[in-house]
Amino acid sequence: MEVRQLQIFRILAEELNFTRTAEKVHTVQSNVTAQIKALEEELGGPLFDRLGRRVTLTDAGRSFLPLAPCVSEFPRVCSLIACPRCCASSIAAFPTSS
């Protein structure tokens, strides 16, 4: 799972349109499709229903949406855990949900 895939997922969940999502992330629509497909394969199921040009979140997509920001912070959290001294000074910068 890549941070880029999570960014694309979050924007697509907001836009519900592959072309507009591609424009927002400065790429082509086929790349958005490929990134979402790779994320869905890794997670084991569809995050979006595609009905012609209409796109909607699946139940799994709605469940994953609030987790995506946390998952994108995972590499930073791992580096903090690997360096406890860094953790003490950086924990205040870690985003929390309210």
PDB file of N, CA and C in Angstrom:
ATOM      1  N   MET A   1       0.846  -1.163   0.000  1.00  0.00           N
ATOM      2  CA  MET A   1       0.000   0.000   0.000  1.00  0.00           C
ATOM      3  C   MET A   1       0.897   1.234   0.000  1.00  0.00           C
ATOM      4  N   GLU A   2       0.622   2.108  -0.931  1.00  0.00           N
ATOM      5  CA  GLU A   2       1.448   3.299  -1.081  1.00  0.00           C
ATOM      6  C   GLU A   2       0.658   4.548  -0.693  1.00  0.00           C
ATOM      7  N   VAL A   3       1.376   5.530  -0.197  1.00  0.00           N
ATOM      8  CA  VAL A   3       0.745   6.794   0.199  1.00  0.00           C
ATOM      9  C   VAL A   3       0.002   7.395  -0.996  1.00  0.00           C
ATOM     10  N   ARG A   4       0.592   7.305  -2.172  1.00  0.00           N
ATOM     11  CA  ARG A   4      -0.040   7.848  -3.393  1.00  0.00           C
ATOM     12  C   ARG A   4      -1.405   7.193  -3.636  1.00  0.00           C
ATOM     13  N   GLN A   5      -1.481   5.885  -3.445  1.00  0.00           N
ATOM     14  CA  GLN A   5      -2.752   5.179  -3.626  1.00  0.00           C
ATOM     15  C   GLN A   5      -3.802   5.705  -2.642  1.00  0.00           C
ATOM     16  N   LEU A   6      -3.378   5.945  -1.415  1.00  0.00           N
ATOM     17  CA  LEU A   6      -4.303   6.447  -0.394  1.00  0.00           C
ATOM     18  C   LEU A   6      -4.762   7.867  -0.712  1.00  0.00           C
ATOM     19  N   GLN A   7      -3.863   8.685  -1.226  1.00  0.00           N
ATOM     20  CA  GLN A   7      -4.234  10.046  -1.631  1.00  0.00           C
ATOM     21  C   GLN A   7      -5.267   9.994  -2.750  1.00  0.00           C
ATOM     22  N   ILE A   8      -5.008   9.148  -3.737  1.00  0.00           N
ATOM     23  CA  ILE A   8      -5.930   9.005  -4.858  1.00  0.00           C
ATOM     24  C   ILE A   8      -7.272   8.472  -4.367  1.00  0.00           C
ATOM     25  N   PHE A   9      -7.238   7.487  -3.480  1.00  0.00           N
ATOM     26  CA  PHE A   9      -8.480   6.940  -2.926  1.00  0.00           C
ATOM     27  C   PHE A   9      -9.301   8.037  -2.260  1.00  0.00           C
ATOM     28  N   ARG A  10      -8.680   8.838  -1.422  1.00  0.00           N
ATOM     29  CA  ARG A  10      -9.400   9.886  -0.697  1.00  0.00           C
ATOM     30  C   ARG A  10     -10.012  10.913  -1.642  1.00  0.00           C
ATOM     31  N   ILE A  11      -9.275  11.291  -2.672  1.00  0.00           N
ATOM     32  CA  ILE A  11      -9.804  12.274  -3.631  1.00  0.00           C
ATOM     33  C   ILE A  11     -10.931  11.657  -4.457  1.00  0.00           C
ATOM     34  N   LEU A  12     -10.757  10.414  -4.896  1.00  0.00           N
ATOM     35  CA  LEU A  12     -11.806   9.752  -5.661  1.00  0.00           C
ATOM     36  C   LEU A  12     -13.070   9.575  -4.821  1.00  0.00           C
ATOM     37  N   ALA A  13     -12.908   9.281  -3.541  1.00  0.00           N
ATOM     38  CA  ALA A  13     -14.059   9.149  -2.650  1.00  0.00           C
ATOM     39  C   ALA A  13     -14.808  10.472  -2.526  1.00  0.00           C
ATOM     40  N   GLU A  14     -14.095  11.568  -2.622  1.00  0.00           N
ATOM     41  CA  GLU A  14     -14.712  12.894  -2.555  1.00  0.00           C
ATOM     42  C   GLU A  14     -15.341  13.281  -3.897  1.00  0.00           C
ATOM     43  N   GLU A  15     -14.605  13.071  -4.969  1.00  0.00           N
ATOM     44  CA  GLU A  15     -15.053  13.491  -6.301  1.00  0.00           C
ATOM     45  C   GLU A  15     -16.045  12.525  -6.942  1.00  0.00           C
ATOM     46  N   LEU A  16     -15.868  11.232  -6.677  1.00  0.00           N
ATOM     47  CA  LEU A  16     -16.653  10.178  -7.315  1.00  0.00           C
ATOM     48  C   LEU A  16     -16.613  10.291  -8.835  1.00  0.00           C
ATOM     49  N   ASN A  17     -15.421  10.639  -9.327  1.00  0.00           N
ATOM     50  CA  ASN A  17     -15.214  10.806 -10.759  1.00  0.00           C
ATOM     51  C   ASN A  17     -13.728  10.594 -11.056  1.00  0.00           C
ATOM     52  N   PHE A  18     -13.423   9.605 -11.900  1.00  0.00           N
ATOM     53  CA  PHE A  18     -12.029   9.274 -12.192  1.00  0.00           C
ATOM     54  C   PHE A  18     -11.312  10.388 -12.937  1.00  0.00           C
ATOM     55  N   THR A  19     -11.995  11.056 -13.863  1.00  0.00           N
ATOM     56  CA  THR A  19     -11.352  12.118 -14.641  1.00  0.00           C
ATOM     57  C   THR A  19     -11.006  13.309 -13.765  1.00  0.00           C
ATOM     58  N   ARG A  20     -11.948  13.756 -12.934  1.00  0.00           N
ATOM     59  CA  ARG A  20     -11.657  14.888 -12.039  1.00  0.00           C
ATOM     60  C   ARG A  20     -10.574  14.531 -11.029  1.00  0.00           C
ATOM     61  N   THR A  21     -10.582  13.285 -10.557  1.00  0.00           N
ATOM     62  CA  THR A  21      -9.544  12.850  -9.627  1.00  0.00           C
ATOM     63  C   THR A  21      -8.181  12.922 -10.307  1.00  0.00           C
ATOM     64  N   ALA A  22      -8.111  12.443 -11.533  1.00  0.00           N
ATOM     65  CA  ALA A  22      -6.845  12.492 -12.286  1.00  0.00           C
ATOM     66  C   ALA A  22      -6.354  13.928 -12.431  1.00  0.00           C
ATOM     67  N   GLU A  23      -7.259  14.837 -12.723  1.00  0.00           N
ATOM     68  CA  GLU A  23      -6.877  16.251 -12.851  1.00  0.00           C
ATOM     69  C   GLU A  23      -6.333  16.789 -11.535  1.00  0.00           C
ATOM     70  N   LYS A  24      -6.973  16.444 -10.428  1.00  0.00           N
ATOM     71  CA  LYS A  24      -6.540  16.948  -9.118  1.00  0.00           C
ATOM     72  C   LYS A  24      -5.178  16.409  -8.705  1.00  0.00           C
ATOM     73  N   VAL A  25      -4.844  15.175  -9.110  1.00  0.00           N
ATOM     74  CA  VAL A  25      -3.551  14.611  -8.717  1.00  0.00           C
ATOM     75  C   VAL A  25      -2.525  14.708  -9.850  1.00  0.00           C
ATOM     76  N   HIS A  26      -2.888  15.452 -10.903  1.00  0.00           N
ATOM     77  CA  HIS A  26      -1.973  15.738 -12.012  1.00  0.00           C
ATOM     78  C   HIS A  26      -1.442  14.462 -12.670  1.00  0.00           C
ATOM     79  N   THR A  27      -2.371  13.606 -13.055  1.00  0.00           N
ATOM     80  CA  THR A  27      -2.015  12.377 -13.750  1.00  0.00           C
ATOM     81  C   THR A  27      -3.117  12.075 -14.755  1.00  0.00           C
ATOM     82  N   VAL A  28      -3.012  10.934 -15.409  1.00  0.00           N
ATOM     83  CA  VAL A  28      -4.026  10.527 -16.376  1.00  0.00           C
ATOM     84  C   VAL A  28      -5.024   9.581 -15.704  1.00  0.00           C
ATOM     85  N   GLN A  29      -6.219   9.508 -16.264  1.00  0.00           N
ATOM     86  CA  GLN A  29      -7.290   8.701 -15.691  1.00  0.00           C
ATOM     87  C   GLN A  29      -6.894   7.232 -15.577  1.00  0.00           C
ATOM     88  N   SER A  30      -6.152   6.723 -16.541  1.00  0.00           N
ATOM     89  CA  SER A  30      -5.762   5.304 -16.495  1.00  0.00           C
ATOM     90  C   SER A  30      -4.848   5.010 -15.306  1.00  0.00           C
ATOM     91  N   ASN A  31      -4.062   5.992 -14.887  1.00  0.00           N
ATOM     92  CA  ASN A  31      -3.209   5.806 -13.714  1.00  0.00           C
ATOM     93  C   ASN A  31      -4.045   5.775 -12.437  1.00  0.00           C
ATOM     94  N   VAL A  32      -5.067   6.615 -12.357  1.00  0.00           N
ATOM     95  CA  VAL A  32      -5.976   6.595 -11.205  1.00  0.00           C
ATOM     96  C   VAL A  32      -6.635   5.218 -11.121  1.00  0.00           C
ATOM     97  N   THR A  33      -7.128   4.730 -12.247  1.00  0.00           N
ATOM     98  CA  THR A  33      -7.767   3.417 -12.294  1.00  0.00           C
ATOM     99  C   THR A  33      -6.806   2.328 -11.829  1.00  0.00           C
ATOM    100  N   ALA A  34      -5.568   2.373 -12.317  1.00  0.00           N
ATOM    101  CA  ALA A  34      -4.571   1.354 -11.951  1.00  0.00           C
ATOM    102  C   ALA A  34      -4.237   1.414 -10.459  1.00  0.00           C
ATOM    103  N   GLN A  35      -4.097   2.613  -9.912  1.00  0.00           N
ATOM    104  CA  GLN A  35      -3.770   2.764  -8.494  1.00  0.00           C
ATOM    105  C   GLN A  35      -4.907   2.261  -7.610  1.00  0.00           C
ATOM    106  N   ILE A  36      -6.135   2.572  -7.982  1.00  0.00           N
ATOM    107  CA  ILE A  36      -7.293   2.105  -7.209  1.00  0.00           C
ATOM    108  C   ILE A  36      -7.422   0.596  -7.317  1.00  0.00           C
ATOM    109  N   LYS A  37      -7.221   0.062  -8.507  1.00  0.00           N
ATOM    110  CA  LYS A  37      -7.306  -1.390  -8.694  1.00  0.00           C
ATOM    111  C   LYS A  37      -6.255  -2.100  -7.838  1.00  0.00           C
ATOM    112  N   ALA A  38      -5.029  -1.573  -7.800  1.00  0.00           N
ATOM    113  CA  ALA A  38      -3.964  -2.172  -6.989  1.00  0.00           C
ATOM    114  C   ALA A  38      -4.318  -2.116  -5.502  1.00  0.00           C
ATOM    115  N   LEU A  39      -4.879  -1.000  -5.060  1.00  0.00           N
ATOM    116  CA  LEU A  39      -5.288  -0.858  -3.662  1.00  0.00           C
ATOM    117  C   LEU A  39      -6.405  -1.847  -3.332  1.00  0.00           C
ATOM    118  N   GLU A  40      -7.368  -1.974  -4.223  1.00  0.00           N
ATOM    119  CA  GLU A  40      -8.468  -2.908  -4.011  1.00  0.00           C
ATOM    120  C   GLU A  40      -7.962  -4.349  -3.946  1.00  0.00           C
ATOM    121  N   GLU A  41      -7.015  -4.683  -4.810  1.00  0.00           N
ATOM    122  CA  GLU A  41      -6.444  -6.041  -4.783  1.00  0.00           C
ATOM    123  C   GLU A  41      -5.726  -6.297  -3.467  1.00  0.00           C
ATOM    124  N   GLU A  42      -4.995  -5.314  -2.996  1.00  0.00           N
ATOM    125  CA  GLU A  42      -4.265  -5.471  -1.739  1.00  0.00           C
ATOM    126  C   GLU A  42      -5.220  -5.597  -0.550  1.00  0.00           C
ATOM    127  N   LEU A  43      -6.316  -4.867  -0.593  1.00  0.00           N
ATOM    128  CA  LEU A  43      -7.278  -4.906   0.507  1.00  0.00           C
ATOM    129  C   LEU A  43      -8.259  -6.071   0.383  1.00  0.00           C
ATOM    130  N   GLY A  44      -8.295  -6.694  -0.779  1.00  0.00           N
ATOM    131  CA  GLY A  44      -9.108  -7.888  -0.954  1.00  0.00           C
ATOM    132  C   GLY A  44     -10.543  -7.673  -1.384  1.00  0.00           C
ATOM    133  N   GLY A  45     -10.845  -6.530  -1.934  1.00  0.00           N
ATOM    134  CA  GLY A  45     -12.204  -6.304  -2.417  1.00  0.00           C
ATOM    135  C   GLY A  45     -12.389  -4.917  -2.971  1.00  0.00           C
ATOM    136  N   PRO A  46     -13.507  -4.695  -3.651  1.00  0.00           N
ATOM    137  CA  PRO A  46     -13.746  -3.390  -4.271  1.00  0.00           C
ATOM    138  C   PRO A  46     -14.051  -2.303  -3.249  1.00  0.00           C
ATOM    139  N   LEU A  47     -13.503  -1.131  -3.498  1.00  0.00           N
ATOM    140  CA  LEU A  47     -13.769   0.045  -2.672  1.00  0.00           C
ATOM    141  C   LEU A  47     -14.812   0.936  -3.343  1.00  0.00           C
ATOM    142  N   PHE A  48     -14.961   0.765  -4.655  1.00  0.00           N
ATOM    143  CA  PHE A  48     -15.900   1.560  -5.440  1.00  0.00           C
ATOM    144  C   PHE A  48     -16.728   0.649  -6.325  1.00  0.00           C
ATOM    145  N   ASP A  49     -17.989   1.020  -6.513  1.00  0.00           N
ATOM    146  CA  ASP A  49     -18.823   0.404  -7.536  1.00  0.00           C
ATOM    147  C   ASP A  49     -18.735   1.297  -8.752  1.00  0.00           C
ATOM    148  N   ARG A  50     -18.534   0.682  -9.889  1.00  0.00           N
ATOM    149  CA  ARG A  50     -18.443   1.428 -11.139  1.00  0.00           C
ATOM    150  C   ARG A  50     -19.624   0.996 -12.009  1.00  0.00           C
ATOM    151  N   LEU A  51     -20.524   1.906 -12.234  1.00  0.00           N
ATOM    152  CA  LEU A  51     -21.707   1.640 -13.052  1.00  0.00           C
ATOM    153  C   LEU A  51     -21.695   2.609 -14.219  1.00  0.00           C
ATOM    154  N   GLY A  52     -21.061   2.178 -15.308  1.00  0.00           N
ATOM    155  CA  GLY A  52     -20.882   3.090 -16.439  1.00  0.00           C
ATOM    156  C   GLY A  52     -19.957   4.215 -16.021  1.00  0.00           C
ATOM    157  N   ARG A  53     -20.444   5.437 -16.135  1.00  0.00           N
ATOM    158  CA  ARG A  53     -19.639   6.596 -15.723  1.00  0.00           C
ATOM    159  C   ARG A  53     -19.886   6.974 -14.269  1.00  0.00           C
ATOM    160  N   ARG A  54     -20.809   6.273 -13.626  1.00  0.00           N
ATOM    161  CA  ARG A  54     -21.146   6.568 -12.228  1.00  0.00           C
ATOM    162  C   ARG A  54     -20.243   5.773 -11.290  1.00  0.00           C
ATOM    163  N   VAL A  55     -19.734   6.445 -10.260  1.00  0.00           N
ATOM    164  CA  VAL A  55     -18.855   5.818  -9.273  1.00  0.00           C
ATOM    165  C   VAL A  55     -19.433   6.080  -7.888  1.00  0.00           C
ATOM    166  N   THR A  56     -19.531   5.014  -7.080  1.00  0.00           N
ATOM    167  CA  THR A  56     -19.980   5.165  -5.698  1.00  0.00           C
ATOM    168  C   THR A  56     -19.088   4.319  -4.798  1.00  0.00           C
ATOM    169  N   LEU A  57     -19.005   4.711  -3.551  1.00  0.00           N
ATOM    170  CA  LEU A  57     -18.249   3.927  -2.572  1.00  0.00           C
ATOM    171  C   LEU A  57     -19.030   2.671  -2.211  1.00  0.00           C
ATOM    172  N   THR A  58     -18.336   1.564  -2.088  1.00  0.00           N
ATOM    173  CA  THR A  58     -18.949   0.346  -1.563  1.00  0.00           C
ATOM    174  C   THR A  58     -18.990   0.466  -0.040  1.00  0.00           C
ATOM    175  N   ASP A  59     -19.601  -0.503   0.617  1.00  0.00           N
ATOM    176  CA  ASP A  59     -19.577  -0.516   2.092  1.00  0.00           C
ATOM    177  C   ASP A  59     -18.140  -0.572   2.582  1.00  0.00           C
ATOM    178  N   ALA A  60     -17.316  -1.387   1.907  1.00  0.00           N
ATOM    179  CA  ALA A  60     -15.894  -1.483   2.291  1.00  0.00           C
ATOM    180  C   ALA A  60     -15.193  -0.144   2.095  1.00  0.00           C
ATOM    181  N   GLY A  61     -15.501   0.554   1.010  1.00  0.00           N
ATOM    182  CA  GLY A  61     -14.909   1.865   0.756  1.00  0.00           C
ATOM    183  C   GLY A  61     -15.300   2.881   1.812  1.00  0.00           C
ATOM    184  N   ARG A  62     -16.583   2.857   2.207  1.00  0.00           N
ATOM    185  CA  ARG A  62     -17.039   3.775   3.272  1.00  0.00           C
ATOM    186  C   ARG A  62     -16.365   3.444   4.600  1.00  0.00           C
ATOM    187  N   SER A  63     -16.134   2.162   4.846  1.00  0.00           N
ATOM    188  CA  SER A  63     -15.459   1.760   6.092  1.00  0.00           C
ATOM    189  C   SER A  63     -13.982   2.148   6.076  1.00  0.00           C
ATOM    190  N   PHE A  64     -13.355   2.038   4.907  1.00  0.00           N
ATOM    191  CA  PHE A  64     -11.922   2.328   4.796  1.00  0.00           C
ATOM    192  C   PHE A  64     -11.630   3.832   4.781  1.00  0.00           C
ATOM    193  N   LEU A  65     -12.566   4.630   4.325  1.00  0.00           N
ATOM    194  CA  LEU A  65     -12.328   6.071   4.162  1.00  0.00           C
ATOM    195  C   LEU A  65     -11.798   6.755   5.420  1.00  0.00           C
ATOM    196  N   PRO A  66     -12.377   6.558   6.592  1.00  0.00           N
ATOM    197  CA  PRO A  66     -11.826   7.237   7.771  1.00  0.00           C
ATOM    198  C   PRO A  66     -10.477   6.677   8.215  1.00  0.00           C
ATOM    199  N   LEU A  67     -10.131   5.477   7.755  1.00  0.00           N
ATOM    200  CA  LEU A  67      -8.850   4.873   8.126  1.00  0.00           C
ATOM    201  C   LEU A  67      -7.701   5.319   7.224  1.00  0.00           C
ATOM    202  N   ALA A  68      -8.007   5.747   6.026  1.00  0.00           N
ATOM    203  CA  ALA A  68      -6.968   6.090   5.047  1.00  0.00           C
ATOM    204  C   ALA A  68      -5.951   7.104   5.565  1.00  0.00           C
ATOM    205  N   PRO A  69      -6.370   8.179   6.248  1.00  0.00           N
ATOM    206  CA  PRO A  69      -5.353   9.107   6.764  1.00  0.00           C
ATOM    207  C   PRO A  69      -4.424   8.450   7.785  1.00  0.00           C
ATOM    208  N   CYS A  70      -4.954   7.565   8.604  1.00  0.00           N
ATOM    209  CA  CYS A  70      -4.133   6.870   9.603  1.00  0.00           C
ATOM    210  C   CYS A  70      -3.118   5.959   8.924  1.00  0.00           C
ATOM    211  N   VAL A  71      -3.577   5.242   7.909  1.00  0.00           N
ATOM    212  CA  VAL A  71      -2.697   4.315   7.192  1.00  0.00           C
ATOM    213  C   VAL A  71      -1.584   5.077   6.496  1.00  0.00           C
ATOM    214  N   SER A  72      -1.894   6.262   5.958  1.00  0.00           N
ATOM    215  CA  SER A  72      -0.860   7.029   5.260  1.00  0.00           C
ATOM    216  C   SER A  72       0.214   7.536   6.222  1.00  0.00           C
ATOM    217  N   GLU A  73      -0.086   7.623   7.515  1.00  0.00           N
ATOM    218  CA  GLU A  73       0.895   8.041   8.516  1.00  0.00           C
ATOM    219  C   GLU A  73       1.712   6.871   9.056  1.00  0.00           C
ATOM    220  N   PHE A  74       1.357   5.652   8.684  1.00  0.00           N
ATOM    221  CA  PHE A  74       2.006   4.463   9.228  1.00  0.00           C
ATOM    222  C   PHE A  74       3.528   4.469   9.085  1.00  0.00           C
ATOM    223  N   PRO A  75       4.101   4.817   7.910  1.00  0.00           N
ATOM    224  CA  PRO A  75       5.566   4.824   7.822  1.00  0.00           C
ATOM    225  C   PRO A  75       6.229   5.769   8.821  1.00  0.00           C
ATOM    226  N   ARG A  76       5.610   6.922   9.042  1.00  0.00           N
ATOM    227  CA  ARG A  76       6.175   7.885   9.995  1.00  0.00           C
ATOM    228  C   ARG A  76       6.085   7.336  11.418  1.00  0.00           C
ATOM    229  N   VAL A  77       4.973   6.702  11.744  1.00  0.00           N
ATOM    230  CA  VAL A  77       4.809   6.120  13.068  1.00  0.00           C
ATOM    231  C   VAL A  77       5.854   5.035  13.293  1.00  0.00           C
ATOM    232  N   CYS A  78       6.073   4.197  12.283  1.00  0.00           N
ATOM    233  CA  CYS A  78       7.081   3.135  12.399  1.00  0.00           C
ATOM    234  C   CYS A  78       8.466   3.721  12.650  1.00  0.00           C
ATOM    235  N   SER A  79       8.793   4.806  11.976  1.00  0.00           N
ATOM    236  CA  SER A  79      10.118   5.392  12.181  1.00  0.00           C
ATOM    237  C   SER A  79      10.233   5.970  13.589  1.00  0.00           C
ATOM    238  N   LEU A  80       9.155   6.513  14.134  1.00  0.00           N
ATOM    239  CA  LEU A  80       9.179   7.024  15.500  1.00  0.00           C
ATOM    240  C   LEU A  80       9.362   5.898  16.508  1.00  0.00           C
ATOM    241  N   ILE A  81       8.684   4.778  16.253  1.00  0.00           N
ATOM    242  CA  ILE A  81       8.807   3.635  17.146  1.00  0.00           C
ATOM    243  C   ILE A  81      10.229   3.083  17.114  1.00  0.00           C
ATOM    244  N   ALA A  82      10.840   3.093  15.940  1.00  0.00           N
ATOM    245  CA  ALA A  82      12.203   2.581  15.795  1.00  0.00           C
ATOM    246  C   ALA A  82      13.208   3.479  16.505  1.00  0.00           C
ATOM    247  N   CYS A  83      12.846   4.726  16.745  1.00  0.00           N
ATOM    248  CA  CYS A  83      13.748   5.675  17.401  1.00  0.00           C
ATOM    249  C   CYS A  83      12.996   6.349  18.547  1.00  0.00           C
ATOM    250  N   PRO A  84      12.968   5.721  19.735  1.00  0.00           N
ATOM    251  CA  PRO A  84      12.204   6.275  20.860  1.00  0.00           C
ATOM    252  C   PRO A  84      12.567   7.716  21.216  1.00  0.00           C
ATOM    253  N   ARG A  85      13.837   8.104  21.048  1.00  0.00           N
ATOM    254  CA  ARG A  85      14.209   9.488  21.348  1.00  0.00           C
ATOM    255  C   ARG A  85      13.483  10.449  20.416  1.00  0.00           C
ATOM    256  N   CYS A  86      13.339  10.031  19.151  1.00  0.00           N
ATOM    257  CA  CYS A  86      12.623  10.868  18.187  1.00  0.00           C
ATOM    258  C   CYS A  86      11.155  10.953  18.563  1.00  0.00           C
ATOM    259  N   CYS A  87      10.645   9.879  19.076  1.00  0.00           N
ATOM    260  CA  CYS A  87       9.223   9.793  19.393  1.00  0.00           C
ATOM    261  C   CYS A  87       8.820  10.852  20.414  1.00  0.00           C
ATOM    262  N   ALA A  88       9.606  11.025  21.429  1.00  0.00           N
ATOM    263  CA  ALA A  88       9.260  11.973  22.491  1.00  0.00           C
ATOM    264  C   ALA A  88       9.127  13.389  21.942  1.00  0.00           C
ATOM    265  N   SER A  89       9.997  13.772  21.016  1.00  0.00           N
ATOM    266  CA  SER A  89       9.938  15.134  20.494  1.00  0.00           C
ATOM    267  C   SER A  89       8.956  15.276  19.345  1.00  0.00           C
ATOM    268  N   SER A  90       8.582  14.163  18.710  1.00  0.00           N
ATOM    269  CA  SER A  90       7.724  14.252  17.535  1.00  0.00           C
ATOM    270  C   SER A  90       6.274  13.889  17.793  1.00  0.00           C
ATOM    271  N   ILE A  91       5.998  13.287  18.917  1.00  0.00           N
ATOM    272  CA  ILE A  91       4.636  12.802  19.142  1.00  0.00           C
ATOM    273  C   ILE A  91       3.616  13.936  19.125  1.00  0.00           C
ATOM    274  N   ALA A  92       4.014  15.122  19.527  1.00  0.00           N
ATOM    275  CA  ALA A  92       3.096  16.255  19.522  1.00  0.00           C
ATOM    276  C   ALA A  92       2.688  16.634  18.091  1.00  0.00           C
ATOM    277  N   ALA A  93       3.534  16.312  17.127  1.00  0.00           N
ATOM    278  CA  ALA A  93       3.229  16.666  15.726  1.00  0.00           C
ATOM    279  C   ALA A  93       2.347  15.621  15.059  1.00  0.00           C
ATOM    280  N   PHE A  94       2.129  14.476  15.706  1.00  0.00           N
ATOM    281  CA  PHE A  94       1.339  13.414  15.098  1.00  0.00           C
ATOM    282  C   PHE A  94      -0.127  13.812  15.090  1.00  0.00           C
ATOM    283  N   PRO A  95      -0.761  13.752  13.908  1.00  0.00           N
ATOM    284  CA  PRO A  95      -2.165  14.193  13.834  1.00  0.00           C
ATOM    285  C   PRO A  95      -3.087  13.228  14.575  1.00  0.00           C
ATOM    286  N   THR A  96      -4.052  13.791  15.250  1.00  0.00           N
ATOM    287  CA  THR A  96      -5.064  12.987  15.924  1.00  0.00           C
ATOM    288  C   THR A  96      -6.421  13.390  15.370  1.00  0.00           C
ATOM    289  N   SER A  97      -7.346  12.457  15.390  1.00  0.00           N
ATOM    290  CA  SER A  97      -8.696  12.787  14.927  1.00  0.00           C
ATOM    291  C   SER A  97      -9.509  13.288  16.101  1.00  0.00           C
ATOM    292  N   SER A  98     -10.351  14.268  15.832  1.00  0.00           N
ATOM    293  CA  SER A  98     -11.160  14.824  16.909  1.00  0.00           C
ATOM    294  C   SER A  98     -12.607  14.500  16.695  1.00  0.00           C
TER     295      SER A  98
END
